[in-house]
Amino acid sequence: MTMVLGLALIALGVVAAVLQVGWVARSTPGPVQRWRVSAPLPRMQRHASDLAIAALLIAGAIVVEQGRPWWTFYAAVIVGSAVAAVAQALAVRALPARVGH
């Protein structure tokens, strides 16, 4: 059961990363940078959204590790972060082109 709950938390982190692209696209007039998505957001909103994504990924990894070998935590963090980064990059790529891009 902890595996399912942990994977659900990691999936929520991935969803939050993709939603962050939408927040940036709606709040800024310029193009969204692929690997610095939150940069155009206001300072506190940028930190809050980045922290929420990181917290969900790490919490999911902690829950996945319960009752399993110690390396499971690190594997879950690395794989979850990689999936979130790829999903966010694909969401940026799916945005329509903007003027000035």
N, C-alpha and C. Protein backbone atom coordinates (compact mmCIF):
# COMPACT_ATOMS: atom_id res chain seq x y z
N MET A 1 0.81 -1.20 0.00
CA MET A 1 0.00 0.00 0.00
C MET A 1 0.86 1.26 0.00
N THR A 2 2.00 1.20 0.70
CA THR A 2 2.86 2.39 0.72
C THR A 2 3.43 2.69 -0.66
N MET A 3 3.66 1.64 -1.45
CA MET A 3 4.17 1.85 -2.81
C MET A 3 3.16 2.64 -3.63
N VAL A 4 1.90 2.28 -3.54
CA VAL A 4 0.85 2.96 -4.31
C VAL A 4 0.71 4.41 -3.85
N LEU A 5 0.71 4.63 -2.54
CA LEU A 5 0.58 5.99 -2.01
C LEU A 5 1.79 6.84 -2.41
N GLY A 6 2.98 6.27 -2.32
CA GLY A 6 4.18 7.00 -2.71
C GLY A 6 4.19 7.36 -4.18
N LEU A 7 3.80 6.41 -5.02
CA LEU A 7 3.74 6.68 -6.46
C LEU A 7 2.68 7.73 -6.78
N ALA A 8 1.59 7.73 -6.02
CA ALA A 8 0.55 8.76 -6.20
C ALA A 8 1.09 10.14 -5.84
N LEU A 9 1.87 10.24 -4.78
CA LEU A 9 2.47 11.53 -4.41
C LEU A 9 3.46 12.00 -5.48
N ILE A 10 4.25 11.08 -6.00
CA ILE A 10 5.18 11.43 -7.07
C ILE A 10 4.41 11.88 -8.31
N ALA A 11 3.32 11.19 -8.63
CA ALA A 11 2.49 11.59 -9.77
C ALA A 11 1.89 12.98 -9.56
N LEU A 12 1.51 13.31 -8.33
CA LEU A 12 1.01 14.66 -8.04
C LEU A 12 2.11 15.70 -8.24
N GLY A 13 3.34 15.35 -7.91
CA GLY A 13 4.47 16.26 -8.17
C GLY A 13 4.66 16.50 -9.65
N VAL A 14 4.50 15.46 -10.44
CA VAL A 14 4.61 15.60 -11.90
C VAL A 14 3.47 16.49 -12.42
N VAL A 15 2.27 16.27 -11.92
CA VAL A 15 1.12 17.10 -12.33
C VAL A 15 1.35 18.56 -11.94
N ALA A 16 1.87 18.80 -10.75
CA ALA A 16 2.16 20.17 -10.32
C ALA A 16 3.21 20.82 -11.21
N ALA A 17 4.19 20.05 -11.66
CA ALA A 17 5.22 20.60 -12.56
C ALA A 17 4.61 21.00 -13.90
N VAL A 18 3.68 20.20 -14.38
CA VAL A 18 3.01 20.54 -15.65
C VAL A 18 2.07 21.73 -15.46
N LEU A 19 1.37 21.79 -14.34
CA LEU A 19 0.50 22.93 -14.06
C LEU A 19 1.29 24.23 -13.94
N GLN A 20 2.52 24.13 -13.43
CA GLN A 20 3.36 25.31 -13.31
C GLN A 20 3.61 25.94 -14.68
N VAL A 21 3.72 25.13 -15.70
CA VAL A 21 3.89 25.65 -17.07
C VAL A 21 2.68 26.50 -17.45
N GLY A 22 1.50 26.03 -17.12
CA GLY A 22 0.29 26.78 -17.42
C GLY A 22 0.23 28.10 -16.67
N TRP A 23 0.65 28.10 -15.39
CA TRP A 23 0.66 29.34 -14.62
C TRP A 23 1.59 30.36 -15.26
N VAL A 24 2.76 29.89 -15.66
CA VAL A 24 3.74 30.80 -16.27
C VAL A 24 3.23 31.30 -17.61
N ALA A 25 2.66 30.42 -18.40
CA ALA A 25 2.18 30.81 -19.72
C ALA A 25 1.07 31.86 -19.62
N ARG A 26 0.22 31.75 -18.61
CA ARG A 26 -0.85 32.73 -18.44
C ARG A 26 -0.38 34.04 -17.82
N SER A 27 0.68 34.01 -17.03
CA SER A 27 1.07 35.21 -16.28
C SER A 27 2.18 36.03 -16.93
N THR A 28 2.83 35.50 -17.95
CA THR A 28 3.91 36.25 -18.58
C THR A 28 3.67 36.36 -20.09
N PRO A 29 4.01 37.51 -20.66
CA PRO A 29 3.77 37.69 -22.09
C PRO A 29 4.82 37.03 -22.98
N GLY A 30 6.01 36.81 -22.48
CA GLY A 30 7.10 36.27 -23.31
C GLY A 30 7.08 34.76 -23.39
N PRO A 31 8.04 34.21 -24.12
CA PRO A 31 8.13 32.75 -24.24
C PRO A 31 8.55 32.11 -22.91
N VAL A 32 8.14 30.88 -22.72
CA VAL A 32 8.49 30.12 -21.51
C VAL A 32 9.79 29.37 -21.78
N GLN A 33 10.76 29.53 -20.88
CA GLN A 33 12.05 28.85 -21.03
C GLN A 33 11.90 27.40 -20.57
N ARG A 34 12.47 26.50 -21.32
CA ARG A 34 12.28 25.08 -21.07
C ARG A 34 12.82 24.61 -19.72
N TRP A 35 14.02 24.96 -19.33
CA TRP A 35 14.60 24.44 -18.09
C TRP A 35 14.58 25.45 -16.96
N ARG A 36 13.95 26.60 -17.18
CA ARG A 36 13.79 27.61 -16.13
C ARG A 36 12.35 28.10 -16.15
N VAL A 37 11.43 27.19 -16.02
CA VAL A 37 10.02 27.50 -16.19
C VAL A 37 9.54 28.53 -15.19
N SER A 38 9.90 28.40 -13.93
CA SER A 38 9.35 29.28 -12.90
C SER A 38 10.03 30.64 -12.82
N ALA A 39 11.08 30.87 -13.58
CA ALA A 39 11.83 32.12 -13.48
C ALA A 39 10.99 33.38 -13.65
N PRO A 40 10.02 33.44 -14.59
CA PRO A 40 9.26 34.67 -14.76
C PRO A 40 8.20 34.94 -13.69
N LEU A 41 7.91 33.97 -12.85
CA LEU A 41 6.89 34.16 -11.81
C LEU A 41 7.37 35.14 -10.75
N PRO A 42 6.45 35.79 -10.05
CA PRO A 42 6.85 36.62 -8.91
C PRO A 42 7.62 35.77 -7.89
N ARG A 43 8.51 36.39 -7.16
CA ARG A 43 9.46 35.69 -6.30
C ARG A 43 8.79 34.67 -5.36
N MET A 44 7.78 35.08 -4.62
CA MET A 44 7.16 34.17 -3.65
C MET A 44 6.37 33.05 -4.35
N GLN A 45 5.70 33.36 -5.44
CA GLN A 45 4.97 32.32 -6.17
C GLN A 45 5.94 31.32 -6.79
N ARG A 46 7.07 31.82 -7.26
CA ARG A 46 8.10 30.93 -7.84
C ARG A 46 8.61 29.97 -6.78
N HIS A 47 8.96 30.51 -5.61
CA HIS A 47 9.48 29.65 -4.55
C HIS A 47 8.43 28.67 -4.04
N ALA A 48 7.19 29.14 -3.92
CA ALA A 48 6.13 28.27 -3.41
C ALA A 48 5.84 27.12 -4.38
N SER A 49 5.77 27.42 -5.68
CA SER A 49 5.47 26.34 -6.63
C SER A 49 6.63 25.37 -6.76
N ASP A 50 7.86 25.88 -6.77
CA ASP A 50 9.02 24.98 -6.83
C ASP A 50 9.10 24.11 -5.58
N LEU A 51 8.84 24.71 -4.42
CA LEU A 51 8.88 23.95 -3.17
C LEU A 51 7.78 22.90 -3.12
N ALA A 52 6.60 23.22 -3.63
CA ALA A 52 5.50 22.25 -3.65
C ALA A 52 5.85 21.04 -4.51
N ILE A 53 6.44 21.30 -5.67
CA ILE A 53 6.83 20.20 -6.56
C ILE A 53 7.89 19.33 -5.88
N ALA A 54 8.91 19.96 -5.32
CA ALA A 54 9.97 19.21 -4.65
C ALA A 54 9.44 18.44 -3.45
N ALA A 55 8.55 19.05 -2.67
CA ALA A 55 8.00 18.38 -1.49
C ALA A 55 7.19 17.15 -1.87
N LEU A 56 6.40 17.26 -2.93
CA LEU A 56 5.61 16.11 -3.36
C LEU A 56 6.51 14.98 -3.85
N LEU A 57 7.55 15.31 -4.60
CA LEU A 57 8.46 14.28 -5.10
C LEU A 57 9.21 13.60 -3.95
N ILE A 58 9.71 14.38 -3.01
CA ILE A 58 10.47 13.81 -1.89
C ILE A 58 9.56 13.04 -0.95
N ALA A 59 8.36 13.57 -0.67
CA ALA A 59 7.42 12.84 0.20
C ALA A 59 7.03 11.51 -0.44
N GLY A 60 6.81 11.53 -1.74
CA GLY A 60 6.49 10.28 -2.43
C GLY A 60 7.63 9.28 -2.33
N ALA A 61 8.86 9.76 -2.47
CA ALA A 61 10.01 8.87 -2.37
C ALA A 61 10.17 8.30 -0.96
N ILE A 62 9.89 9.12 0.04
CA ILE A 62 9.97 8.64 1.43
C ILE A 62 8.94 7.54 1.66
N VAL A 63 7.73 7.75 1.19
CA VAL A 63 6.67 6.76 1.38
C VAL A 63 6.97 5.48 0.59
N VAL A 64 7.50 5.61 -0.62
CA VAL A 64 7.85 4.43 -1.43
C VAL A 64 8.91 3.59 -0.71
N GLU A 65 9.84 4.25 -0.03
CA GLU A 65 10.95 3.54 0.59
C GLU A 65 10.53 2.72 1.82
N GLN A 66 9.44 3.04 2.46
CA GLN A 66 9.06 2.38 3.70
C GLN A 66 9.04 0.86 3.54
N GLY A 67 9.87 0.18 4.33
CA GLY A 67 9.93 -1.28 4.31
C GLY A 67 10.72 -1.86 3.15
N ARG A 68 11.45 -1.03 2.44
CA ARG A 68 12.24 -1.49 1.30
C ARG A 68 13.71 -1.11 1.53
N PRO A 69 14.62 -1.57 0.68
CA PRO A 69 16.04 -1.23 0.84
C PRO A 69 16.28 0.28 0.79
N TRP A 70 17.37 0.72 1.42
CA TRP A 70 17.68 2.15 1.56
C TRP A 70 17.82 2.85 0.22
N TRP A 71 18.30 2.17 -0.79
CA TRP A 71 18.53 2.80 -2.08
C TRP A 71 17.24 3.11 -2.83
N THR A 72 16.12 2.53 -2.38
CA THR A 72 14.83 2.77 -3.04
C THR A 72 14.46 4.25 -2.99
N PHE A 73 14.78 4.92 -1.88
CA PHE A 73 14.50 6.35 -1.74
C PHE A 73 15.21 7.14 -2.84
N TYR A 74 16.50 6.89 -3.01
CA TYR A 74 17.28 7.62 -4.01
C TYR A 74 16.79 7.32 -5.43
N ALA A 75 16.47 6.07 -5.67
CA ALA A 75 15.96 5.71 -7.00
C ALA A 75 14.63 6.41 -7.27
N ALA A 76 13.76 6.46 -6.27
CA ALA A 76 12.46 7.11 -6.46
C ALA A 76 12.62 8.61 -6.67
N VAL A 77 13.53 9.25 -5.94
CA VAL A 77 13.76 10.69 -6.13
C VAL A 77 14.31 10.98 -7.52
N ILE A 78 15.29 10.20 -7.94
CA ILE A 78 15.91 10.44 -9.25
C ILE A 78 14.91 10.18 -10.38
N VAL A 79 14.22 9.07 -10.32
CA VAL A 79 13.26 8.74 -11.39
C VAL A 79 12.09 9.73 -11.37
N GLY A 80 11.58 10.05 -10.19
CA GLY A 80 10.47 11.00 -10.10
C GLY A 80 10.85 12.38 -10.61
N SER A 81 12.05 12.84 -10.26
CA SER A 81 12.51 14.15 -10.74
C SER A 81 12.72 14.15 -12.25
N ALA A 82 13.26 13.06 -12.76
CA ALA A 82 13.47 12.98 -14.22
C ALA A 82 12.14 12.98 -14.97
N VAL A 83 11.17 12.24 -14.45
CA VAL A 83 9.86 12.20 -15.10
C VAL A 83 9.20 13.58 -15.03
N ALA A 84 9.31 14.26 -13.88
CA ALA A 84 8.73 15.60 -13.75
C ALA A 84 9.39 16.58 -14.71
N ALA A 85 10.71 16.51 -14.84
CA ALA A 85 11.42 17.42 -15.74
C ALA A 85 11.04 17.17 -17.19
N VAL A 86 10.94 15.92 -17.58
CA VAL A 86 10.56 15.60 -18.96
C VAL A 86 9.11 16.02 -19.23
N ALA A 87 8.22 15.76 -18.28
CA ALA A 87 6.81 16.15 -18.46
C ALA A 87 6.69 17.67 -18.56
N GLN A 88 7.45 18.38 -17.76
CA GLN A 88 7.42 19.84 -17.82
C GLN A 88 7.98 20.35 -19.14
N ALA A 89 9.07 19.75 -19.61
CA ALA A 89 9.65 20.16 -20.89
C ALA A 89 8.69 19.88 -22.05
N LEU A 90 8.00 18.75 -22.00
CA LEU A 90 7.02 18.44 -23.04
C LEU A 90 5.84 19.40 -22.99
N ALA A 91 5.45 19.81 -21.79
CA ALA A 91 4.36 20.79 -21.66
C ALA A 91 4.78 22.15 -22.23
N VAL A 92 6.03 22.54 -22.01
CA VAL A 92 6.53 23.80 -22.58
C VAL A 92 6.56 23.69 -24.10
N ARG A 93 7.00 22.57 -24.60
CA ARG A 93 7.07 22.37 -26.04
C ARG A 93 5.69 22.37 -26.69
N ALA A 94 4.68 21.93 -25.95
CA ALA A 94 3.33 21.87 -26.49
C ALA A 94 2.64 23.24 -26.53
N LEU A 95 3.22 24.23 -25.84
CA LEU A 95 2.63 25.57 -25.86
C LEU A 95 2.69 26.14 -27.26
N PRO A 96 1.68 26.91 -27.64
CA PRO A 96 1.74 27.55 -28.96
C PRO A 96 2.87 28.58 -29.00
N ALA A 97 3.45 28.77 -30.15
CA ALA A 97 4.54 29.74 -30.30
C ALA A 97 4.02 31.14 -30.03
N ARG A 98 4.84 31.94 -29.37
CA ARG A 98 4.45 33.31 -29.07
C ARG A 98 5.26 34.28 -29.90
N VAL A 99 4.74 35.46 -30.05
CA VAL A 99 5.45 36.50 -30.79
C VAL A 99 6.70 36.87 -30.00
N GLY A 100 7.80 37.03 -30.69
CA GLY A 100 9.05 37.36 -30.01
C GLY A 100 9.84 36.14 -29.62
N HIS A 101 9.38 34.97 -30.02
CA HIS A 101 10.06 33.72 -29.68
C HIS A 101 11.08 33.36 -30.72
